[in-house]
PDB file of all heavy atoms in Angstrom:
ATOM      1  N   LEU A   1      48.668  11.111  94.107  1.00  0.00           N
ATOM      2  CA  LEU A   1      49.246  11.037  92.734  1.00  0.00           C
ATOM      3  C   LEU A   1      48.230  11.641  91.704  1.00  0.00           C
ATOM      4  O   LEU A   1      48.693  12.243  90.696  1.00  0.00           O
ATOM      5  CB  LEU A   1      49.480   9.569  92.350  1.00  0.00           C
ATOM      6  CG  LEU A   1      50.636   8.883  93.122  1.00  0.00           C
ATOM      7  CD1 LEU A   1      50.633   7.396  92.685  1.00  0.00           C
ATOM      8  CD2 LEU A   1      51.895   9.526  92.912  1.00  0.00           C
ATOM      9  N   PHE A   2      46.921  11.477  91.898  1.00  0.00           N
ATOM     10  CA  PHE A   2      45.966  11.914  90.905  1.00  0.00           C
ATOM     11  C   PHE A   2      45.127  13.201  91.291  1.00  0.00           C
ATOM     12  O   PHE A   2      44.102  13.373  90.699  1.00  0.00           O
ATOM     13  CB  PHE A   2      45.033  10.774  90.619  1.00  0.00           C
ATOM     14  CG  PHE A   2      45.679   9.554  89.990  1.00  0.00           C
ATOM     15  CD1 PHE A   2      46.262   8.539  90.781  1.00  0.00           C
ATOM     16  CD2 PHE A   2      45.770   9.421  88.600  1.00  0.00           C
ATOM     17  CE1 PHE A   2      46.838   7.445  90.187  1.00  0.00           C
ATOM     18  CE2 PHE A   2      46.323   8.332  88.038  1.00  0.00           C
ATOM     19  CZ  PHE A   2      46.927   7.338  88.802  1.00  0.00           C
ATOM     20  N   SER A   3      45.711  13.967  92.156  1.00  0.00           N
ATOM     21  CA  SER A   3      45.037  15.149  92.600  1.00  0.00           C
ATOM     22  C   SER A   3      45.351  16.418  91.837  1.00  0.00           C
ATOM     23  O   SER A   3      44.898  17.492  92.142  1.00  0.00           O
ATOM     24  CB  SER A   3      45.287  15.418  94.113  1.00  0.00           C
ATOM     25  OG  SER A   3      44.601  14.495  94.889  1.00  0.00           O
ATOM     26  N   GLY A   4      46.152  16.274  90.863  1.00  0.00           N
ATOM     27  CA  GLY A   4      46.641  17.469  90.121  1.00  0.00           C
ATOM     28  C   GLY A   4      47.503  18.323  91.033  1.00  0.00           C
ATOM     29  O   GLY A   4      48.435  17.796  91.639  1.00  0.00           O
ATOM     30  N   THR A   5      47.204  19.608  91.168  1.00  0.00           N
ATOM     31  CA  THR A   5      47.944  20.415  92.002  1.00  0.00           C
ATOM     32  C   THR A   5      47.507  20.393  93.458  1.00  0.00           C
ATOM     33  O   THR A   5      48.122  20.926  94.370  1.00  0.00           O
ATOM     34  CB  THR A   5      47.960  21.902  91.532  1.00  0.00           C
ATOM     35  OG1 THR A   5      46.644  22.343  91.376  1.00  0.00           O
ATOM     36  CG2 THR A   5      48.699  22.049  90.187  1.00  0.00           C
ATOM     37  N   ASN A   6      46.299  19.817  93.728  1.00  0.00           N
ATOM     38  CA  ASN A   6      45.812  19.707  95.070  1.00  0.00           C
ATOM     39  C   ASN A   6      46.299  18.396  95.716  1.00  0.00           C
ATOM     40  O   ASN A   6      45.600  17.463  96.040  1.00  0.00           O
ATOM     41  CB  ASN A   6      44.234  19.622  95.077  1.00  0.00           C
ATOM     42  CG  ASN A   6      43.621  20.974  94.797  1.00  0.00           C
ATOM     43  OD1 ASN A   6      44.278  21.966  94.915  1.00  0.00           O
ATOM     44  ND2 ASN A   6      42.408  20.939  94.448  1.00  0.00           N
ATOM     45  N   THR A   7      47.673  18.310  95.852  1.00  0.00           N
ATOM     46  CA  THR A   7      48.308  17.135  96.277  1.00  0.00           C
ATOM     47  C   THR A   7      48.020  16.668  97.722  1.00  0.00           C
ATOM     48  O   THR A   7      48.296  15.560  98.062  1.00  0.00           O
ATOM     49  CB  THR A   7      49.806  17.221  96.136  1.00  0.00           C
ATOM     50  OG1 THR A   7      50.242  18.384  96.870  1.00  0.00           O
ATOM     51  CG2 THR A   7      50.183  17.378  94.631  1.00  0.00           C
ATOM     52  N   ASP A   8      47.403  17.605  98.520  1.00  0.00           N
ATOM     53  CA  ASP A   8      47.100  17.200  99.869  1.00  0.00           C
ATOM     54  C   ASP A   8      45.619  16.839 100.100  1.00  0.00           C
ATOM     55  O   ASP A   8      45.205  16.678 101.226  1.00  0.00           O
ATOM     56  CB  ASP A   8      47.429  18.389 100.845  1.00  0.00           C
ATOM     57  CG  ASP A   8      46.672  19.682 100.452  1.00  0.00           C
ATOM     58  OD1 ASP A   8      46.171  19.794  99.267  1.00  0.00           O
ATOM     59  OD2 ASP A   8      46.544  20.571 101.299  1.00  0.00           O
ATOM     60  N   VAL A   9      44.867  16.652  98.969  1.00  0.00           N
ATOM     61  CA  VAL A   9      43.453  16.362  99.070  1.00  0.00           C
ATOM     62  C   VAL A   9      43.167  15.053  98.309  1.00  0.00           C
ATOM     63  O   VAL A   9      43.704  14.875  97.184  1.00  0.00           O
ATOM     64  CB  VAL A   9      42.548  17.438  98.442  1.00  0.00           C
ATOM     65  CG1 VAL A   9      41.079  17.084  98.558  1.00  0.00           C
ATOM     66  CG2 VAL A   9      42.882  18.760  99.209  1.00  0.00           C
ATOM     67  N   LYS A  10      42.375  14.149  98.906  1.00  0.00           N
ATOM     68  CA  LYS A  10      42.009  12.895  98.169  1.00  0.00           C
ATOM     69  C   LYS A  10      41.284  13.273  96.854  1.00  0.00           C
ATOM     70  O   LYS A  10      40.307  14.001  96.871  1.00  0.00           O
ATOM     71  CB  LYS A  10      41.134  12.028  99.023  1.00  0.00           C
ATOM     72  CG  LYS A  10      41.878  11.202 100.039  1.00  0.00           C
ATOM     73  CD  LYS A  10      40.887  10.247 100.748  1.00  0.00           C
ATOM     74  CE  LYS A  10      41.660   9.355 101.702  1.00  0.00           C
ATOM     75  NZ  LYS A  10      40.729   8.377 102.335  1.00  0.00           N
ATOM     76  N   PRO A  11      41.696  12.772  95.768  1.00  0.00           N
ATOM     77  CA  PRO A  11      41.098  13.138  94.450  1.00  0.00           C
ATOM     78  C   PRO A  11      39.679  12.583  94.252  1.00  0.00           C
ATOM     79  O   PRO A  11      38.839  13.306  93.664  1.00  0.00           O
ATOM     80  CB  PRO A  11      42.048  12.558  93.414  1.00  0.00           C
ATOM     81  CG  PRO A  11      42.757  11.457  94.090  1.00  0.00           C
ATOM     82  CD  PRO A  11      42.872  11.834  95.600  1.00  0.00           C
ATOM     83  N   ILE A  12      39.358  11.361  94.763  1.00  0.00           N
ATOM     84  CA  ILE A  12      38.062  10.757  94.450  1.00  0.00           C
ATOM     85  C   ILE A  12      37.335  10.487  95.779  1.00  0.00           C
ATOM     86  O   ILE A  12      37.831   9.919  96.726  1.00  0.00           O
ATOM     87  CB  ILE A  12      38.267   9.434  93.696  1.00  0.00           C
ATOM     88  CG1 ILE A  12      38.922   9.743  92.332  1.00  0.00           C
ATOM     89  CG2 ILE A  12      37.004   8.739  93.542  1.00  0.00           C
ATOM     90  CD1 ILE A  12      37.947  10.496  91.387  1.00  0.00           C
ATOM     91  N   ASN A  13      36.056  10.869  95.764  1.00  0.00           N
ATOM     92  CA  ASN A  13      35.175  10.592  96.881  1.00  0.00           C
ATOM     93  C   ASN A  13      34.491   9.279  96.693  1.00  0.00           C
ATOM     94  O   ASN A  13      34.235   8.838  95.634  1.00  0.00           O
ATOM     95  CB  ASN A  13      34.107  11.771  97.063  1.00  0.00           C
ATOM     96  CG  ASN A  13      34.794  13.058  97.470  1.00  0.00           C
ATOM     97  OD1 ASN A  13      35.678  13.114  98.312  1.00  0.00           O
ATOM     98  ND2 ASN A  13      34.343  14.155  96.797  1.00  0.00           N
ATOM     99  N   ASP A  14      34.104   8.702  97.826  1.00  0.00           N
ATOM    100  CA  ASP A  14      33.442   7.373  97.807  1.00  0.00           C
ATOM    101  C   ASP A  14      32.034   7.472  97.253  1.00  0.00           C
ATOM    102  O   ASP A  14      31.365   8.534  97.368  1.00  0.00           O
ATOM    103  CB  ASP A  14      33.381   6.759  99.206  1.00  0.00           C
ATOM    104  CG  ASP A  14      34.757   6.314  99.723  1.00  0.00           C
ATOM    105  OD1 ASP A  14      35.584   5.878  98.861  1.00  0.00           O
ATOM    106  OD2 ASP A  14      35.008   6.495 100.958  1.00  0.00           O
ATOM    107  N   PHE A  15      31.549   6.337  96.649  1.00  0.00           N
ATOM    108  CA  PHE A  15      30.140   6.299  96.205  1.00  0.00           C
ATOM    109  C   PHE A  15      29.549   5.100  97.000  1.00  0.00           C
ATOM    110  O   PHE A  15      29.490   3.975  96.564  1.00  0.00           O
ATOM    111  CB  PHE A  15      30.147   6.009  94.668  1.00  0.00           C
ATOM    112  CG  PHE A  15      28.752   5.941  94.131  1.00  0.00           C
ATOM    113  CD1 PHE A  15      28.008   7.028  93.928  1.00  0.00           C
ATOM    114  CD2 PHE A  15      28.182   4.711  93.707  1.00  0.00           C
ATOM    115  CE1 PHE A  15      26.661   6.988  93.450  1.00  0.00           C
ATOM    116  CE2 PHE A  15      26.941   4.641  93.206  1.00  0.00           C
ATOM    117  CZ  PHE A  15      26.182   5.794  93.059  1.00  0.00           C
ATOM    118  N   LYS A  16      29.065   5.485  98.161  1.00  0.00           N
ATOM    119  CA  LYS A  16      28.433   4.534  99.115  1.00  0.00           C
ATOM    120  C   LYS A  16      27.209   5.116  99.745  1.00  0.00           C
ATOM    121  O   LYS A  16      27.032   6.366  99.674  1.00  0.00           O
ATOM    122  CB  LYS A  16      29.473   4.144 100.176  1.00  0.00           C
ATOM    123  CG  LYS A  16      30.646   3.355  99.602  1.00  0.00           C
ATOM    124  CD  LYS A  16      31.634   3.000 100.769  1.00  0.00           C
ATOM    125  CE  LYS A  16      32.809   2.227 100.237  1.00  0.00           C
ATOM    126  NZ  LYS A  16      33.783   1.882 101.291  1.00  0.00           N
ATOM    127  N   PRO A  17      26.310   4.266 100.311  1.00  0.00           N
ATOM    128  CA  PRO A  17      25.148   4.836 100.982  1.00  0.00           C
ATOM    129  C   PRO A  17      25.510   5.932 101.953  1.00  0.00           C
ATOM    130  O   PRO A  17      26.370   5.729 102.802  1.00  0.00           O
ATOM    131  CB  PRO A  17      24.503   3.635 101.617  1.00  0.00           C
ATOM    132  CG  PRO A  17      24.968   2.489 100.799  1.00  0.00           C
ATOM    133  CD  PRO A  17      26.338   2.835 100.342  1.00  0.00           C
ATOM    134  N   GLY A  18      24.854   7.052 101.871  1.00  0.00           N
ATOM    135  CA  GLY A  18      25.134   8.202 102.790  1.00  0.00           C
ATOM    136  C   GLY A  18      26.109   9.166 102.294  1.00  0.00           C
ATOM    137  O   GLY A  18      26.231  10.332 102.842  1.00  0.00           O
ATOM    138  N   SER A  19      26.942   8.792 101.285  1.00  0.00           N
ATOM    139  CA  SER A  19      27.926   9.717 100.760  1.00  0.00           C
ATOM    140  C   SER A  19      27.328  10.806  99.896  1.00  0.00           C
ATOM    141  O   SER A  19      26.143  10.591  99.381  1.00  0.00           O
ATOM    142  CB  SER A  19      28.983   8.931  99.888  1.00  0.00           C
ATOM    143  OG  SER A  19      28.364   8.403  98.788  1.00  0.00           O
ATOM    144  N   ALA A  20      28.017  11.876  99.767  1.00  0.00           N
ATOM    145  CA  ALA A  20      27.414  13.026  98.994  1.00  0.00           C
ATOM    146  C   ALA A  20      27.178  12.648  97.520  1.00  0.00           C
ATOM    147  O   ALA A  20      26.182  13.068  96.943  1.00  0.00           O
ATOM    148  CB  ALA A  20      28.413  14.234  99.058  1.00  0.00           C
ATOM    149  N   THR A  21      28.094  11.839  97.011  1.00  0.00           N
ATOM    150  CA  THR A  21      27.920  11.397  95.562  1.00  0.00           C
ATOM    151  C   THR A  21      26.709  10.488  95.420  1.00  0.00           C
ATOM    152  O   THR A  21      25.979  10.621  94.399  1.00  0.00           O
ATOM    153  CB  THR A  21      29.195  10.712  95.109  1.00  0.00           C
ATOM    154  OG1 THR A  21      29.533   9.683  96.067  1.00  0.00           O
ATOM    155  CG2 THR A  21      30.333  11.668  95.009  1.00  0.00           C
ATOM    156  N   LYS A  22      26.482   9.614  96.378  1.00  0.00           N
ATOM    157  CA  LYS A  22      25.344   8.702  96.320  1.00  0.00           C
ATOM    158  C   LYS A  22      23.997   9.460  96.426  1.00  0.00           C
ATOM    159  O   LYS A  22      23.042   9.245  95.756  1.00  0.00           O
ATOM    160  CB  LYS A  22      25.444   7.618  97.347  1.00  0.00           C
ATOM    161  CG  LYS A  22      24.300   6.598  97.346  1.00  0.00           C
ATOM    162  CD  LYS A  22      24.255   5.736  96.127  1.00  0.00           C
ATOM    163  CE  LYS A  22      23.360   4.541  96.224  1.00  0.00           C
ATOM    164  NZ  LYS A  22      21.926   4.886  96.351  1.00  0.00           N
ATOM    165  N   VAL A  23      24.018  10.383  97.408  1.00  0.00           N
ATOM    166  CA  VAL A  23      22.775  11.263  97.611  1.00  0.00           C
ATOM    167  C   VAL A  23      22.509  12.054  96.310  1.00  0.00           C
ATOM    168  O   VAL A  23      21.298  12.082  95.886  1.00  0.00           O
ATOM    169  CB  VAL A  23      22.970  12.173  98.791  1.00  0.00           C
ATOM    170  CG1 VAL A  23      21.873  13.210  98.932  1.00  0.00           C
ATOM    171  CG2 VAL A  23      23.103  11.349 100.089  1.00  0.00           C
ATOM    172  N   ALA A  24      23.553  12.612  95.704  1.00  0.00           N
ATOM    173  CA  ALA A  24      23.325  13.362  94.490  1.00  0.00           C
ATOM    174  C   ALA A  24      22.784  12.455  93.317  1.00  0.00           C
ATOM    175  O   ALA A  24      21.890  12.891  92.541  1.00  0.00           O
ATOM    176  CB  ALA A  24      24.664  14.077  94.011  1.00  0.00           C
ATOM    177  N   PHE A  25      23.255  11.258  93.268  1.00  0.00           N
ATOM    178  CA  PHE A  25      22.844  10.306  92.181  1.00  0.00           C
ATOM    179  C   PHE A  25      21.413   9.948  92.369  1.00  0.00           C
ATOM    180  O   PHE A  25      20.614   9.907  91.462  1.00  0.00           O
ATOM    181  CB  PHE A  25      23.771   9.072  92.168  1.00  0.00           C
ATOM    182  CG  PHE A  25      23.445   8.106  91.091  1.00  0.00           C
ATOM    183  CD1 PHE A  25      23.906   8.383  89.767  1.00  0.00           C
ATOM    184  CD2 PHE A  25      22.664   7.028  91.324  1.00  0.00           C
ATOM    185  CE1 PHE A  25      23.627   7.438  88.746  1.00  0.00           C
ATOM    186  CE2 PHE A  25      22.357   6.120  90.283  1.00  0.00           C
ATOM    187  CZ  PHE A  25      22.861   6.358  88.990  1.00  0.00           C
ATOM    188  N   ASP A  26      21.024   9.616  93.673  1.00  0.00           N
ATOM    189  CA  ASP A  26      19.707   9.247  94.002  1.00  0.00           C
ATOM    190  C   ASP A  26      18.763  10.346  93.666  1.00  0.00           C
ATOM    191  O   ASP A  26      17.636  10.155  93.143  1.00  0.00           O
ATOM    192  CB  ASP A  26      19.565   8.834  95.448  1.00  0.00           C
ATOM    193  CG  ASP A  26      20.299   7.574  95.761  1.00  0.00           C
ATOM    194  OD1 ASP A  26      20.608   6.787  94.797  1.00  0.00           O
ATOM    195  OD2 ASP A  26      20.549   7.267  96.904  1.00  0.00           O
ATOM    196  N   ALA A  27      19.181  11.622  94.019  1.00  0.00           N
ATOM    197  CA  ALA A  27      18.328  12.774  93.711  1.00  0.00           C
ATOM    198  C   ALA A  27      18.112  12.980  92.258  1.00  0.00           C
ATOM    199  O   ALA A  27      17.001  13.325  91.786  1.00  0.00           O
ATOM    200  CB  ALA A  27      18.913  14.030  94.375  1.00  0.00           C
ATOM    201  N   ALA A  28      19.211  12.731  91.533  1.00  0.00           N
ATOM    202  CA  ALA A  28      19.068  12.872  90.009  1.00  0.00           C
ATOM    203  C   ALA A  28      18.096  11.856  89.423  1.00  0.00           C
ATOM    204  O   ALA A  28      17.292  12.179  88.520  1.00  0.00           O
ATOM    205  CB  ALA A  28      20.480  12.734  89.418  1.00  0.00           C
ATOM    206  N   PHE A  29      18.161  10.649  89.945  1.00  0.00           N
ATOM    207  CA  PHE A  29      17.264   9.541  89.467  1.00  0.00           C
ATOM    208  C   PHE A  29      15.843   9.882  89.817  1.00  0.00           C
ATOM    209  O   PHE A  29      14.930   9.894  88.941  1.00  0.00           O
ATOM    210  CB  PHE A  29      17.681   8.245  90.122  1.00  0.00           C
ATOM    211  CG  PHE A  29      16.901   7.058  89.606  1.00  0.00           C
ATOM    212  CD1 PHE A  29      17.421   6.258  88.567  1.00  0.00           C
ATOM    213  CD2 PHE A  29      15.653   6.731  90.083  1.00  0.00           C
ATOM    214  CE1 PHE A  29      16.727   5.146  88.086  1.00  0.00           C
ATOM    215  CE2 PHE A  29      14.953   5.575  89.614  1.00  0.00           C
ATOM    216  CZ  PHE A  29      15.494   4.839  88.619  1.00  0.00           C
ATOM    217  N   ALA A  30      15.580  10.315  91.085  1.00  0.00           N
ATOM    218  CA  ALA A  30      14.248  10.631  91.503  1.00  0.00           C
ATOM    219  C   ALA A  30      13.694  11.890  90.763  1.00  0.00           C
ATOM    220  O   ALA A  30      12.507  11.981  90.416  1.00  0.00           O
ATOM    221  CB  ALA A  30      14.189  10.826  93.001  1.00  0.00           C
ATOM    222  N   GLY A  31      14.565  12.821  90.467  1.00  0.00           N
ATOM    223  CA  GLY A  31      14.160  14.055  89.763  1.00  0.00           C
ATOM    224  C   GLY A  31      13.779  13.754  88.345  1.00  0.00           C
ATOM    225  O   GLY A  31      12.921  14.440  87.767  1.00  0.00           O
ATOM    226  N   TYR A  32      14.403  12.765  87.752  1.00  0.00           N
ATOM    227  CA  TYR A  32      14.090  12.431  86.360  1.00  0.00           C
ATOM    228  C   TYR A  32      12.826  11.570  86.219  1.00  0.00           C
ATOM    229  O   TYR A  32      11.944  11.825  85.425  1.00  0.00           O
ATOM    230  CB  TYR A  32      15.273  11.763  85.711  1.00  0.00           C
ATOM    231  CG  TYR A  32      15.064  11.413  84.262  1.00  0.00           C
ATOM    232  CD1 TYR A  32      15.290  12.407  83.251  1.00  0.00           C
ATOM    233  CD2 TYR A  32      14.636  10.126  83.836  1.00  0.00           C
ATOM    234  CE1 TYR A  32      15.118  12.080  81.932  1.00  0.00           C
ATOM    235  CE2 TYR A  32      14.383   9.856  82.432  1.00  0.00           C
ATOM    236  CZ  TYR A  32      14.632  10.831  81.531  1.00  0.00           C
ATOM    237  OH  TYR A  32      14.490  10.518  80.232  1.00  0.00           O
ATOM    238  N   PHE A  33      12.722  10.541  87.114  1.00  0.00           N
ATOM    239  CA  PHE A  33      11.660   9.524  86.914  1.00  0.00           C
ATOM    240  C   PHE A  33      10.520   9.857  87.836  1.00  0.00           C
ATOM    241  O   PHE A  33       9.379   9.321  87.691  1.00  0.00           O
ATOM    242  CB  PHE A  33      12.171   8.099  87.217  1.00  0.00           C
ATOM    243  CG  PHE A  33      13.089   7.622  86.168  1.00  0.00           C
ATOM    244  CD1 PHE A  33      14.470   7.500  86.442  1.00  0.00           C
ATOM    245  CD2 PHE A  33      12.627   7.202  84.954  1.00  0.00           C
ATOM    246  CE1 PHE A  33      15.359   6.981  85.447  1.00  0.00           C
ATOM    247  CE2 PHE A  33      13.493   6.709  83.976  1.00  0.00           C
ATOM    248  CZ  PHE A  33      14.851   6.573  84.192  1.00  0.00           C
ATOM    249  N   GLY A  34      10.714  10.611  88.882  1.00  0.00           N
ATOM    250  CA  GLY A  34       9.594  10.877  89.813  1.00  0.00           C
ATOM    251  C   GLY A  34       9.504   9.894  90.982  1.00  0.00           C
ATOM    252  O   GLY A  34       8.596  10.037  91.862  1.00  0.00           O
ATOM    253  N   PHE A  35      10.424   8.972  91.075  1.00  0.00           N
ATOM    254  CA  PHE A  35      10.493   7.970  92.112  1.00  0.00           C
ATOM    255  C   PHE A  35      11.907   7.465  92.217  1.00  0.00           C
ATOM    256  O   PHE A  35      12.711   7.631  91.342  1.00  0.00           O
ATOM    257  CB  PHE A  35       9.485   6.835  91.899  1.00  0.00           C
ATOM    258  CG  PHE A  35       9.562   6.264  90.531  1.00  0.00           C
ATOM    259  CD1 PHE A  35      10.522   5.365  90.136  1.00  0.00           C
ATOM    260  CD2 PHE A  35       8.638   6.634  89.585  1.00  0.00           C
ATOM    261  CE1 PHE A  35      10.550   4.821  88.866  1.00  0.00           C
ATOM    262  CE2 PHE A  35       8.697   6.187  88.297  1.00  0.00           C
ATOM    263  CZ  PHE A  35       9.640   5.265  87.959  1.00  0.00           C
ATOM    264  N   ASN A  36      12.235   6.801  93.387  1.00  0.00           N
ATOM    265  CA  ASN A  36      13.620   6.296  93.541  1.00  0.00           C
ATOM    266  C   ASN A  36      13.770   4.963  92.870  1.00  0.00           C
ATOM    267  O   ASN A  36      12.765   4.325  92.451  1.00  0.00           O
ATOM    268  CB  ASN A  36      14.018   6.294  94.976  1.00  0.00           C
ATOM    269  CG  ASN A  36      13.226   5.275  95.832  1.00  0.00           C
ATOM    270  OD1 ASN A  36      12.911   4.179  95.390  1.00  0.00           O
ATOM    271  ND2 ASN A  36      12.767   5.737  97.012  1.00  0.00           N
ATOM    272  N   GLN A  37      14.949   4.499  92.766  1.00  0.00           N
ATOM    273  CA  GLN A  37      15.236   3.273  92.024  1.00  0.00           C
ATOM    274  C   GLN A  37      14.689   1.994  92.668  1.00  0.00           C
ATOM    275  O   GLN A  37      14.659   0.942  92.025  1.00  0.00           O
ATOM    276  CB  GLN A  37      16.743   3.089  91.771  1.00  0.00           C
ATOM    277  CG  GLN A  37      17.649   3.227  92.968  1.00  0.00           C
ATOM    278  CD  GLN A  37      18.146   4.638  93.166  1.00  0.00           C
ATOM    279  OE1 GLN A  37      17.394   5.600  93.259  1.00  0.00           O
ATOM    280  NE2 GLN A  37      19.521   4.777  93.241  1.00  0.00           N
ATOM    281  N   ASN A  38      14.276   2.081  93.924  1.00  0.00           N
ATOM    282  CA  ASN A  38      13.728   0.936  94.676  1.00  0.00           C
ATOM    283  C   ASN A  38      12.213   0.936  94.683  1.00  0.00           C
ATOM    284  O   ASN A  38      11.584   0.081  95.314  1.00  0.00           O
ATOM    285  CB  ASN A  38      14.326   0.814  96.010  1.00  0.00           C
ATOM    286  CG  ASN A  38      15.826   0.487  96.005  1.00  0.00           C
ATOM    287  OD1 ASN A  38      16.249  -0.430  95.271  1.00  0.00           O
ATOM    288  ND2 ASN A  38      16.603   1.182  96.775  1.00  0.00           N
ATOM    289  N   HIS A  39      11.589   1.923  94.053  1.00  0.00           N
ATOM    290  CA  HIS A  39      10.156   2.038  94.052  1.00  0.00           C
ATOM    291  C   HIS A  39       9.555   1.004  93.092  1.00  0.00           C
ATOM    292  O   HIS A  39      10.238   0.535  92.152  1.00  0.00           O
ATOM    293  CB  HIS A  39       9.770   3.437  93.549  1.00  0.00           C
ATOM    294  CG  HIS A  39       8.335   3.773  93.762  1.00  0.00           C
ATOM    295  ND1 HIS A  39       7.369   3.358  92.908  1.00  0.00           N
ATOM    296  CD2 HIS A  39       7.718   4.430  94.797  1.00  0.00           C
ATOM    297  CE1 HIS A  39       6.163   3.883  93.345  1.00  0.00           C
ATOM    298  NE2 HIS A  39       6.389   4.450  94.538  1.00  0.00           N
ATOM    299  N   ALA A  40       8.353   0.561  93.382  1.00  0.00           N
ATOM    300  CA  ALA A  40       7.739  -0.542  92.506  1.00  0.00           C
ATOM    301  C   ALA A  40       7.589  -0.027  91.082  1.00  0.00           C
ATOM    302  O   ALA A  40       7.706  -0.882  90.136  1.00  0.00           O
ATOM    303  CB  ALA A  40       6.358  -0.804  93.112  1.00  0.00           C
ATOM    304  N   ASP A  41       7.414   1.221  90.824  1.00  0.00           N
ATOM    305  CA  ASP A  41       7.251   1.688  89.450  1.00  0.00           C
ATOM    306  C   ASP A  41       8.559   1.640  88.688  1.00  0.00           C
ATOM    307  O   ASP A  41       8.523   1.728  87.428  1.00  0.00           O
ATOM    308  CB  ASP A  41       6.772   3.109  89.464  1.00  0.00           C
ATOM    309  CG  ASP A  41       5.309   3.260  89.955  1.00  0.00           C
ATOM    310  OD1 ASP A  41       4.630   2.233  89.981  1.00  0.00           O
ATOM    311  OD2 ASP A  41       4.937   4.406  90.368  1.00  0.00           O
ATOM    312  N   ALA A  42       9.657   1.378  89.370  1.00  0.00           N
ATOM    313  CA  ALA A  42      10.921   1.262  88.650  1.00  0.00           C
ATOM    314  C   ALA A  42      10.903   0.109  87.733  1.00  0.00           C
ATOM    315  O   ALA A  42      11.691   0.085  86.735  1.00  0.00           O
ATOM    316  CB  ALA A  42      12.116   1.215  89.642  1.00  0.00           C
ATOM    317  N   GLN A  43      10.150  -0.907  88.014  1.00  0.00           N
ATOM    318  CA  GLN A  43       9.996  -2.106  87.089  1.00  0.00           C
ATOM    319  C   GLN A  43       9.543  -1.685  85.694  1.00  0.00           C
ATOM    320  O   GLN A  43       9.866  -2.426  84.733  1.00  0.00           O
ATOM    321  CB  GLN A  43       9.038  -3.051  87.701  1.00  0.00           C
ATOM    322  CG  GLN A  43       9.619  -3.859  88.876  1.00  0.00           C
ATOM    323  CD  GLN A  43      10.425  -5.051  88.439  1.00  0.00           C
ATOM    324  OE1 GLN A  43      10.518  -5.361  87.247  1.00  0.00           O
ATOM    325  NE2 GLN A  43      11.112  -5.666  89.387  1.00  0.00           N
ATOM    326  N   ASP A  44       8.767  -0.648  85.621  1.00  0.00           N
ATOM    327  CA  ASP A  44       8.247  -0.239  84.309  1.00  0.00           C
ATOM    328  C   ASP A  44       9.029   0.662  83.470  1.00  0.00           C
ATOM    329  O   ASP A  44       8.635   1.095  82.440  1.00  0.00           O
ATOM    330  CB  ASP A  44       6.872   0.423  84.602  1.00  0.00           C
ATOM    331  CG  ASP A  44       5.875  -0.477  85.298  1.00  0.00           C
ATOM    332  OD1 ASP A  44       5.935  -1.736  85.119  1.00  0.00           O
ATOM    333  OD2 ASP A  44       5.075   0.011  86.167  1.00  0.00           O
TER     334      ASP A  44
END
């Protein structure tokens, strides 16, 4: 229903560990702060 004209393709991808969207988000976080969100420095 929500794919626009790509009616044979799932419109939304999952955001779960290992998924492309989660990997991209983790990379964006690490690229900005210099460490991942579970690093000890994340507290600061």
